[in-house]
PDB file of N, CA and C in Angstrom:
ATOM      1  N   MET A   1      -2.226 -25.015  15.838  1.00  0.00           N
ATOM      2  CA  MET A   1      -1.794 -24.384  14.597  1.00  0.00           C
ATOM      3  C   MET A   1      -0.494 -25.035  14.147  1.00  0.00           C
ATOM      4  N   ASP A   2      -0.518 -25.545  12.950  1.00  0.00           N
ATOM      5  CA  ASP A   2       0.693 -26.148  12.411  1.00  0.00           C
ATOM      6  C   ASP A   2       1.480 -25.111  11.609  1.00  0.00           C
ATOM      7  N   PRO A   3       2.736 -25.378  11.342  1.00  0.00           N
ATOM      8  CA  PRO A   3       3.573 -24.402  10.627  1.00  0.00           C
ATOM      9  C   PRO A   3       3.045 -24.034   9.235  1.00  0.00           C
ATOM     10  N   SER A   4       2.421 -24.963   8.540  1.00  0.00           N
ATOM     11  CA  SER A   4       1.907 -24.636   7.206  1.00  0.00           C
ATOM     12  C   SER A   4       0.768 -23.628   7.296  1.00  0.00           C
ATOM     13  N   PHE A   5      -0.044 -23.709   8.347  1.00  0.00           N
ATOM     14  CA  PHE A   5      -1.117 -22.745   8.555  1.00  0.00           C
ATOM     15  C   PHE A   5      -0.554 -21.351   8.796  1.00  0.00           C
ATOM     16  N   VAL A   6       0.453 -21.286   9.642  1.00  0.00           N
ATOM     17  CA  VAL A   6       1.070 -19.995   9.963  1.00  0.00           C
ATOM     18  C   VAL A   6       1.744 -19.404   8.724  1.00  0.00           C
ATOM     19  N   LEU A   7       2.415 -20.240   7.934  1.00  0.00           N
ATOM     20  CA  LEU A   7       3.065 -19.746   6.717  1.00  0.00           C
ATOM     21  C   LEU A   7       2.034 -19.259   5.695  1.00  0.00           C
ATOM     22  N   ALA A   8       0.921 -19.970   5.571  1.00  0.00           N
ATOM     23  CA  ALA A   8      -0.134 -19.529   4.655  1.00  0.00           C
ATOM     24  C   ALA A   8      -0.725 -18.201   5.117  1.00  0.00           C
ATOM     25  N   LEU A   9      -0.893 -18.048   6.414  1.00  0.00           N
ATOM     26  CA  LEU A   9      -1.401 -16.798   6.971  1.00  0.00           C
ATOM     27  C   LEU A   9      -0.420 -15.657   6.734  1.00  0.00           C
ATOM     28  N   LEU A  10       0.854 -15.924   6.914  1.00  0.00           N
ATOM     29  CA  LEU A  10       1.883 -14.915   6.659  1.00  0.00           C
ATOM     30  C   LEU A  10       1.912 -14.527   5.187  1.00  0.00           C
ATOM     31  N   GLN A  11       1.788 -15.496   4.304  1.00  0.00           N
ATOM     32  CA  GLN A  11       1.778 -15.214   2.871  1.00  0.00           C
ATOM     33  C   GLN A  11       0.571 -14.354   2.494  1.00  0.00           C
ATOM     34  N   GLU A  12      -0.584 -14.680   3.026  1.00  0.00           N
ATOM     35  CA  GLU A  12      -1.780 -13.880   2.738  1.00  0.00           C
ATOM     36  C   GLU A  12      -1.643 -12.464   3.283  1.00  0.00           C
ATOM     37  N   SER A  13      -1.010 -12.324   4.447  1.00  0.00           N
ATOM     38  CA  SER A  13      -0.770 -11.003   5.030  1.00  0.00           C
ATOM     39  C   SER A  13       0.147 -10.168   4.142  1.00  0.00           C
ATOM     40  N   LEU A  14       1.224 -10.780   3.659  1.00  0.00           N
ATOM     41  CA  LEU A  14       2.149 -10.057   2.787  1.00  0.00           C
ATOM     42  C   LEU A  14       1.503  -9.692   1.454  1.00  0.00           C
ATOM     43  N   ASN A  15       0.702 -10.595   0.900  1.00  0.00           N
ATOM     44  CA  ASN A  15      -0.003 -10.293  -0.348  1.00  0.00           C
ATOM     45  C   ASN A  15      -0.964  -9.123  -0.169  1.00  0.00           C
ATOM     46  N   THR A  16      -1.684  -9.117   0.929  1.00  0.00           N
ATOM     47  CA  THR A  16      -2.617  -8.026   1.198  1.00  0.00           C
ATOM     48  C   THR A  16      -1.864  -6.709   1.371  1.00  0.00           C
ATOM     49  N   THR A  17      -0.752  -6.757   2.069  1.00  0.00           N
ATOM     50  CA  THR A  17       0.054  -5.547   2.256  1.00  0.00           C
ATOM     51  C   THR A  17       0.553  -5.006   0.929  1.00  0.00           C
ATOM     52  N   LEU A  18       1.029  -5.886   0.058  1.00  0.00           N
ATOM     53  CA  LEU A  18       1.506  -5.440  -1.254  1.00  0.00           C
ATOM     54  C   LEU A  18       0.376  -4.888  -2.111  1.00  0.00           C
ATOM     55  N   HIS A  19      -0.792  -5.508  -2.038  1.00  0.00           N
ATOM     56  CA  HIS A  19      -1.929  -5.004  -2.803  1.00  0.00           C
ATOM     57  C   HIS A  19      -2.367  -3.623  -2.318  1.00  0.00           C
ATOM     58  N   LEU A  20      -2.272  -3.383  -1.032  1.00  0.00           N
ATOM     59  CA  LEU A  20      -2.685  -2.092  -0.499  1.00  0.00           C
ATOM     60  C   LEU A  20      -1.626  -1.004  -0.716  1.00  0.00           C
ATOM     61  N   ALA A  21      -0.374  -1.348  -0.536  1.00  0.00           N
ATOM     62  CA  ALA A  21       0.686  -0.339  -0.625  1.00  0.00           C
ATOM     63  C   ALA A  21       1.178  -0.121  -2.049  1.00  0.00           C
ATOM     64  N   GLY A  22       1.023  -1.101  -2.916  1.00  0.00           N
ATOM     65  CA  GLY A  22       1.554  -1.027  -4.271  1.00  0.00           C
ATOM     66  C   GLY A  22       1.116   0.189  -5.076  1.00  0.00           C
ATOM     67  N   PRO A  23      -0.187   0.439  -5.201  1.00  0.00           N
ATOM     68  CA  PRO A  23      -0.609   1.604  -5.985  1.00  0.00           C
ATOM     69  C   PRO A  23      -0.096   2.927  -5.429  1.00  0.00           C
ATOM     70  N   LEU A  24      -0.107   3.070  -4.121  1.00  0.00           N
ATOM     71  CA  LEU A  24       0.361   4.331  -3.529  1.00  0.00           C
ATOM     72  C   LEU A  24       1.857   4.528  -3.743  1.00  0.00           C
ATOM     73  N   LEU A  25       2.632   3.465  -3.559  1.00  0.00           N
ATOM     74  CA  LEU A  25       4.073   3.566  -3.780  1.00  0.00           C
ATOM     75  C   LEU A  25       4.401   3.809  -5.241  1.00  0.00           C
ATOM     76  N   GLY A  26       3.654   3.158  -6.134  1.00  0.00           N
ATOM     77  CA  GLY A  26       3.880   3.351  -7.568  1.00  0.00           C
ATOM     78  C   GLY A  26       3.600   4.778  -8.006  1.00  0.00           C
ATOM     79  N   ILE A  27       2.487   5.331  -7.549  1.00  0.00           N
ATOM     80  CA  ILE A  27       2.138   6.706  -7.897  1.00  0.00           C
ATOM     81  C   ILE A  27       3.155   7.676  -7.324  1.00  0.00           C
ATOM     82  N   SER A  28       3.570   7.431  -6.102  1.00  0.00           N
ATOM     83  CA  SER A  28       4.574   8.284  -5.479  1.00  0.00           C
ATOM     84  C   SER A  28       5.895   8.232  -6.248  1.00  0.00           C
ATOM     85  N   MET A  29       6.270   7.053  -6.710  1.00  0.00           N
ATOM     86  CA  MET A  29       7.514   6.908  -7.465  1.00  0.00           C
ATOM     87  C   MET A  29       7.435   7.625  -8.815  1.00  0.00           C
ATOM     88  N   VAL A  30       6.309   7.499  -9.510  1.00  0.00           N
ATOM     89  CA  VAL A  30       6.156   8.148 -10.813  1.00  0.00           C
ATOM     90  C   VAL A  30       6.171   9.667 -10.661  1.00  0.00           C
ATOM     91  N   VAL A  31       5.456  10.177  -9.664  1.00  0.00           N
ATOM     92  CA  VAL A  31       5.444  11.627  -9.444  1.00  0.00           C
ATOM     93  C   VAL A  31       6.834  12.116  -9.060  1.00  0.00           C
ATOM     94  N   GLY A  32       7.538  11.396  -8.218  1.00  0.00           N
ATOM     95  CA  GLY A  32       8.905  11.780  -7.851  1.00  0.00           C
ATOM     96  C   GLY A  32       9.834  11.794  -9.046  1.00  0.00           C
ATOM     97  N   LEU A  33       9.689  10.810  -9.938  1.00  0.00           N
ATOM     98  CA  LEU A  33      10.506  10.772 -11.147  1.00  0.00           C
ATOM     99  C   LEU A  33      10.208  11.966 -12.058  1.00  0.00           C
ATOM    100  N   LEU A  34       8.922  12.282 -12.223  1.00  0.00           N
ATOM    101  CA  LEU A  34       8.560  13.424 -13.063  1.00  0.00           C
ATOM    102  C   LEU A  34       9.069  14.739 -12.493  1.00  0.00           C
ATOM    103  N   VAL A  35       8.956  14.908 -11.192  1.00  0.00           N
ATOM    104  CA  VAL A  35       9.454  16.132 -10.566  1.00  0.00           C
ATOM    105  C   VAL A  35      10.974  16.192 -10.655  1.00  0.00           C
ATOM    106  N   SER A  36      11.647  15.065 -10.534  1.00  0.00           N
ATOM    107  CA  SER A  36      13.112  15.044 -10.659  1.00  0.00           C
ATOM    108  C   SER A  36      13.557  15.428 -12.060  1.00  0.00           C
ATOM    109  N   VAL A  37      12.833  14.944 -13.062  1.00  0.00           N
ATOM    110  CA  VAL A  37      13.155  15.330 -14.441  1.00  0.00           C
ATOM    111  C   VAL A  37      12.931  16.826 -14.628  1.00  0.00           C
ATOM    112  N   LEU A  38      11.833  17.339 -14.064  1.00  0.00           N
ATOM    113  CA  LEU A  38      11.570  18.778 -14.148  1.00  0.00           C
ATOM    114  C   LEU A  38      12.660  19.571 -13.431  1.00  0.00           C
ATOM    115  N   GLN A  39      13.092  19.092 -12.277  1.00  0.00           N
ATOM    116  CA  GLN A  39      14.160  19.774 -11.551  1.00  0.00           C
ATOM    117  C   GLN A  39      15.471  19.739 -12.322  1.00  0.00           C
ATOM    118  N   ALA A  40      15.769  18.624 -12.962  1.00  0.00           N
ATOM    119  CA  ALA A  40      17.009  18.530 -13.740  1.00  0.00           C
ATOM    120  C   ALA A  40      16.964  19.445 -14.953  1.00  0.00           C
ATOM    121  N   ALA A  41      15.788  19.560 -15.564  1.00  0.00           N
ATOM    122  CA  ALA A  41      15.663  20.404 -16.753  1.00  0.00           C
ATOM    123  C   ALA A  41      15.752  21.885 -16.405  1.00  0.00           C
ATOM    124  N   THR A  42      15.183  22.272 -15.275  1.00  0.00           N
ATOM    125  CA  THR A  42      15.183  23.686 -14.897  1.00  0.00           C
ATOM    126  C   THR A  42      16.308  24.044 -13.938  1.00  0.00           C
ATOM    127  N   GLN A  43      17.040  23.079 -13.466  1.00  0.00           N
ATOM    128  CA  GLN A  43      18.131  23.239 -12.507  1.00  0.00           C
ATOM    129  C   GLN A  43      17.673  23.884 -11.201  1.00  0.00           C
ATOM    130  N   ILE A  44      16.430  23.614 -10.832  1.00  0.00           N
ATOM    131  CA  ILE A  44      15.921  24.036  -9.524  1.00  0.00           C
ATOM    132  C   ILE A  44      16.115  22.860  -8.582  1.00  0.00           C
ATOM    133  N   GLN A  45      16.938  23.038  -7.578  1.00  0.00           N
ATOM    134  CA  GLN A  45      17.255  21.941  -6.662  1.00  0.00           C
ATOM    135  C   GLN A  45      16.684  22.235  -5.270  1.00  0.00           C
ATOM    136  N   GLU A  46      15.378  22.353  -5.209  1.00  0.00           N
ATOM    137  CA  GLU A  46      14.703  22.584  -3.937  1.00  0.00           C
ATOM    138  C   GLU A  46      14.167  21.251  -3.410  1.00  0.00           C
ATOM    139  N   MET A  47      14.529  20.883  -2.193  1.00  0.00           N
ATOM    140  CA  MET A  47      14.139  19.592  -1.644  1.00  0.00           C
ATOM    141  C   MET A  47      12.636  19.498  -1.391  1.00  0.00           C
ATOM    142  N   THR A  48      12.030  20.603  -0.981  1.00  0.00           N
ATOM    143  CA  THR A  48      10.605  20.566  -0.667  1.00  0.00           C
ATOM    144  C   THR A  48       9.740  20.509  -1.918  1.00  0.00           C
ATOM    145  N   LEU A  49      10.304  20.777  -3.082  1.00  0.00           N
ATOM    146  CA  LEU A  49       9.545  20.748  -4.322  1.00  0.00           C
ATOM    147  C   LEU A  49       9.087  19.331  -4.660  1.00  0.00           C
ATOM    148  N   VAL A  50       9.784  18.332  -4.213  1.00  0.00           N
ATOM    149  CA  VAL A  50       9.408  16.948  -4.482  1.00  0.00           C
ATOM    150  C   VAL A  50       8.321  16.498  -3.510  1.00  0.00           C
ATOM    151  N   PHE A  51       8.354  16.970  -2.294  1.00  0.00           N
ATOM    152  CA  PHE A  51       7.462  16.477  -1.253  1.00  0.00           C
ATOM    153  C   PHE A  51       5.994  16.822  -1.492  1.00  0.00           C
ATOM    154  N   VAL A  52       5.709  18.057  -1.843  1.00  0.00           N
ATOM    155  CA  VAL A  52       4.320  18.501  -1.981  1.00  0.00           C
ATOM    156  C   VAL A  52       3.595  17.783  -3.128  1.00  0.00           C
ATOM    157  N   PRO A  53       4.158  17.671  -4.339  1.00  0.00           N
ATOM    158  CA  PRO A  53       3.443  16.933  -5.383  1.00  0.00           C
ATOM    159  C   PRO A  53       3.231  15.451  -5.033  1.00  0.00           C
ATOM    160  N   LYS A  54       4.210  14.835  -4.378  1.00  0.00           N
ATOM    161  CA  LYS A  54       4.041  13.438  -3.957  1.00  0.00           C
ATOM    162  C   LYS A  54       2.898  13.318  -2.956  1.00  0.00           C
ATOM    163  N   MET A  55       2.856  14.217  -2.012  1.00  0.00           N
ATOM    164  CA  MET A  55       1.810  14.179  -1.000  1.00  0.00           C
ATOM    165  C   MET A  55       0.430  14.368  -1.635  1.00  0.00           C
ATOM    166  N   LEU A  56       0.309  15.298  -2.562  1.00  0.00           N
ATOM    167  CA  LEU A  56      -0.965  15.523  -3.242  1.00  0.00           C
ATOM    168  C   LEU A  56      -1.361  14.324  -4.107  1.00  0.00           C
ATOM    169  N   ALA A  57      -0.393  13.712  -4.767  1.00  0.00           N
ATOM    170  CA  ALA A  57      -0.690  12.550  -5.610  1.00  0.00           C
ATOM    171  C   ALA A  57      -1.134  11.357  -4.772  1.00  0.00           C
ATOM    172  N   VAL A  58      -0.484  11.135  -3.646  1.00  0.00           N
ATOM    173  CA  VAL A  58      -0.878  10.030  -2.772  1.00  0.00           C
ATOM    174  C   VAL A  58      -2.261  10.302  -2.178  1.00  0.00           C
ATOM    175  N   PHE A  59      -2.537  11.534  -1.815  1.00  0.00           N
ATOM    176  CA  PHE A  59      -3.862  11.881  -1.306  1.00  0.00           C
ATOM    177  C   PHE A  59      -4.931  11.651  -2.372  1.00  0.00           C
ATOM    178  N   ALA A  60      -4.662  12.047  -3.614  1.00  0.00           N
ATOM    179  CA  ALA A  60      -5.607  11.808  -4.704  1.00  0.00           C
ATOM    180  C   ALA A  60      -5.799  10.309  -4.947  1.00  0.00           C
ATOM    181  N   ALA A  61      -4.721   9.549  -4.870  1.00  0.00           N
ATOM    182  CA  ALA A  61      -4.821   8.096  -5.049  1.00  0.00           C
ATOM    183  C   ALA A  61      -5.642   7.474  -3.923  1.00  0.00           C
ATOM    184  N   LEU A  62      -5.496   7.980  -2.713  1.00  0.00           N
ATOM    185  CA  LEU A  62      -6.306   7.479  -1.602  1.00  0.00           C
ATOM    186  C   LEU A  62      -7.778   7.802  -1.812  1.00  0.00           C
ATOM    187  N   LEU A  63      -8.071   8.970  -2.361  1.00  0.00           N
ATOM    188  CA  LEU A  63      -9.464   9.313  -2.648  1.00  0.00           C
ATOM    189  C   LEU A  63     -10.040   8.398  -3.721  1.00  0.00           C
ATOM    190  N   ILE A  64      -9.240   8.091  -4.723  1.00  0.00           N
ATOM    191  CA  ILE A  64      -9.716   7.263  -5.836  1.00  0.00           C
ATOM    192  C   ILE A  64      -9.800   5.794  -5.427  1.00  0.00           C
ATOM    193  N   CYS A  65      -8.755   5.283  -4.773  1.00  0.00           N
ATOM    194  CA  CYS A  65      -8.663   3.856  -4.447  1.00  0.00           C
ATOM    195  C   CYS A  65      -9.125   3.530  -3.034  1.00  0.00           C
ATOM    196  N   GLY A  66      -9.587   4.513  -2.289  1.00  0.00           N
ATOM    197  CA  GLY A  66      -9.909   4.297  -0.886  1.00  0.00           C
ATOM    198  C   GLY A  66     -10.972   3.239  -0.652  1.00  0.00           C
ATOM    199  N   ALA A  67     -12.033   3.256  -1.449  1.00  0.00           N
ATOM    200  CA  ALA A  67     -13.106   2.278  -1.268  1.00  0.00           C
ATOM    201  C   ALA A  67     -12.602   0.864  -1.555  1.00  0.00           C
ATOM    202  N   TRP A  68     -11.811   0.732  -2.608  1.00  0.00           N
ATOM    203  CA  TRP A  68     -11.244  -0.581  -2.939  1.00  0.00           C
ATOM    204  C   TRP A  68     -10.315  -1.063  -1.833  1.00  0.00           C
ATOM    205  N   MET A  69      -9.482  -0.164  -1.315  1.00  0.00           N
ATOM    206  CA  MET A  69      -8.547  -0.535  -0.260  1.00  0.00           C
ATOM    207  C   MET A  69      -9.296  -0.937   1.013  1.00  0.00           C
ATOM    208  N   LEU A  70     -10.360  -0.225   1.323  1.00  0.00           N
ATOM    209  CA  LEU A  70     -11.159  -0.565   2.491  1.00  0.00           C
ATOM    210  C   LEU A  70     -11.803  -1.936   2.319  1.00  0.00           C
ATOM    211  N   ASP A  71     -12.263  -2.246   1.114  1.00  0.00           N
ATOM    212  CA  ASP A  71     -12.855  -3.550   0.842  1.00  0.00           C
ATOM    213  C   ASP A  71     -11.823  -4.671   1.012  1.00  0.00           C
ATOM    214  N   VAL A  72     -10.611  -4.445   0.511  1.00  0.00           N
ATOM    215  CA  VAL A  72      -9.550  -5.455   0.628  1.00  0.00           C
ATOM    216  C   VAL A  72      -9.212  -5.708   2.090  1.00  0.00           C
ATOM    217  N   ILE A  73      -9.052  -4.653   2.867  1.00  0.00           N
ATOM    218  CA  ILE A  73      -8.673  -4.841   4.271  1.00  0.00           C
ATOM    219  C   ILE A  73      -9.827  -5.434   5.069  1.00  0.00           C
ATOM    220  N   ALA A  74     -11.072  -5.110   4.713  1.00  0.00           N
ATOM    221  CA  ALA A  74     -12.225  -5.702   5.418  1.00  0.00           C
ATOM    222  C   ALA A  74     -12.321  -7.197   5.128  1.00  0.00           C
ATOM    223  N   ARG A  75     -12.118  -7.582   3.869  1.00  0.00           N
ATOM    224  CA  ARG A  75     -12.137  -9.005   3.528  1.00  0.00           C
ATOM    225  C   ARG A  75     -11.017  -9.766   4.238  1.00  0.00           C
ATOM    226  N   PHE A  76      -9.849  -9.160   4.315  1.00  0.00           N
ATOM    227  CA  PHE A  76      -8.732  -9.797   5.009  1.00  0.00           C
ATOM    228  C   PHE A  76      -9.037  -9.955   6.498  1.00  0.00           C
ATOM    229  N   THR A  77      -9.647  -8.943   7.089  1.00  0.00           N
ATOM    230  CA  THR A  77      -9.991  -9.007   8.505  1.00  0.00           C
ATOM    231  C   THR A  77     -11.006 -10.117   8.770  1.00  0.00           C
ATOM    232  N   VAL A  78     -12.008 -10.222   7.916  1.00  0.00           N
ATOM    233  CA  VAL A  78     -12.995 -11.291   8.065  1.00  0.00           C
ATOM    234  C   VAL A  78     -12.325 -12.654   7.907  1.00  0.00           C
ATOM    235  N   LEU A  79     -11.411 -12.766   6.946  1.00  0.00           N
ATOM    236  CA  LEU A  79     -10.674 -14.019   6.755  1.00  0.00           C
ATOM    237  C   LEU A  79      -9.891 -14.392   8.008  1.00  0.00           C
ATOM    238  N   ILE A  80      -9.213 -13.433   8.590  1.00  0.00           N
ATOM    239  CA  ILE A  80      -8.428 -13.688   9.803  1.00  0.00           C
ATOM    240  C   ILE A  80      -9.340 -14.125  10.943  1.00  0.00           C
ATOM    241  N   PHE A  81     -10.459 -13.435  11.132  1.00  0.00           N
ATOM    242  CA  PHE A  81     -11.380 -13.813  12.208  1.00  0.00           C
ATOM    243  C   PHE A  81     -11.935 -15.219  11.991  1.00  0.00           C
ATOM    244  N   ASN A  82     -12.264 -15.553  10.745  1.00  0.00           N
ATOM    245  CA  ASN A  82     -12.768 -16.900  10.460  1.00  0.00           C
ATOM    246  C   ASN A  82     -11.702 -17.966  10.703  1.00  0.00           C
ATOM    247  N   LEU A  83     -10.477 -17.674  10.315  1.00  0.00           N
ATOM    248  CA  LEU A  83      -9.399 -18.633  10.541  1.00  0.00           C
ATOM    249  C   LEU A  83      -9.123 -18.838  12.025  1.00  0.00           C
ATOM    250  N   VAL A  84      -9.158 -17.777  12.785  1.00  0.00           N
ATOM    251  CA  VAL A  84      -8.924 -17.883  14.227  1.00  0.00           C
ATOM    252  C   VAL A  84     -10.060 -18.661  14.876  1.00  0.00           C
ATOM    253  N   ALA A  85     -11.276 -18.437  14.417  1.00  0.00           N
ATOM    254  CA  ALA A  85     -12.427 -19.137  14.991  1.00  0.00           C
ATOM    255  C   ALA A  85     -12.388 -20.637  14.681  1.00  0.00           C
ATOM    256  N   THR A  86     -11.942 -20.992  13.473  1.00  0.00           N
ATOM    257  CA  THR A  86     -11.902 -22.405  13.114  1.00  0.00           C
ATOM    258  C   THR A  86     -10.648 -23.105  13.638  1.00  0.00           C
ATOM    259  N   ALA A  87      -9.613 -22.356  13.960  1.00  0.00           N
ATOM    260  CA  ALA A  87      -8.370 -22.971  14.441  1.00  0.00           C
ATOM    261  C   ALA A  87      -8.550 -23.515  15.856  1.00  0.00           C
ATOM    262  N   GLY A  88      -9.384 -22.877  16.631  1.00  0.00           N
ATOM    263  CA  GLY A  88      -9.628 -23.367  17.977  1.00  0.00           C
ATOM    264  C   GLY A  88      -8.462 -23.062  18.906  1.00  0.00           C
ATOM    265  N   PRO A  89      -8.555 -23.539  20.146  1.00  0.00           N
ATOM    266  CA  PRO A  89      -7.474 -23.276  21.105  1.00  0.00           C
ATOM    267  C   PRO A  89      -6.213 -24.038  20.750  1.00  0.00           C
ATOM    268  N   ALA A  90      -5.101 -23.478  21.165  1.00  0.00           N
ATOM    269  CA  ALA A  90      -3.803 -24.090  20.844  1.00  0.00           C
ATOM    270  C   ALA A  90      -3.519 -25.309  21.646  1.00  0.00           C
TER     271      ALA A  90
END
């Protein structure tokens, strides 16, 4: 394995991680912002009020995007296995 192979593998790993985590983090951030605006408007400063809507939104996003996320991780796994098989012994 040469360094360019390892760097390409690392880049693909990071891209896959961002593709999988991006939608969930984005939804969590938007819901947190909306709840914060609601808290500022009503002056309710309860810490647990932010947690439950974020958790429900991330769960809903997992239900909606779960099949796509599973497909992405399965393709990445197959890619890794193929690369390891073609790389041969060190």
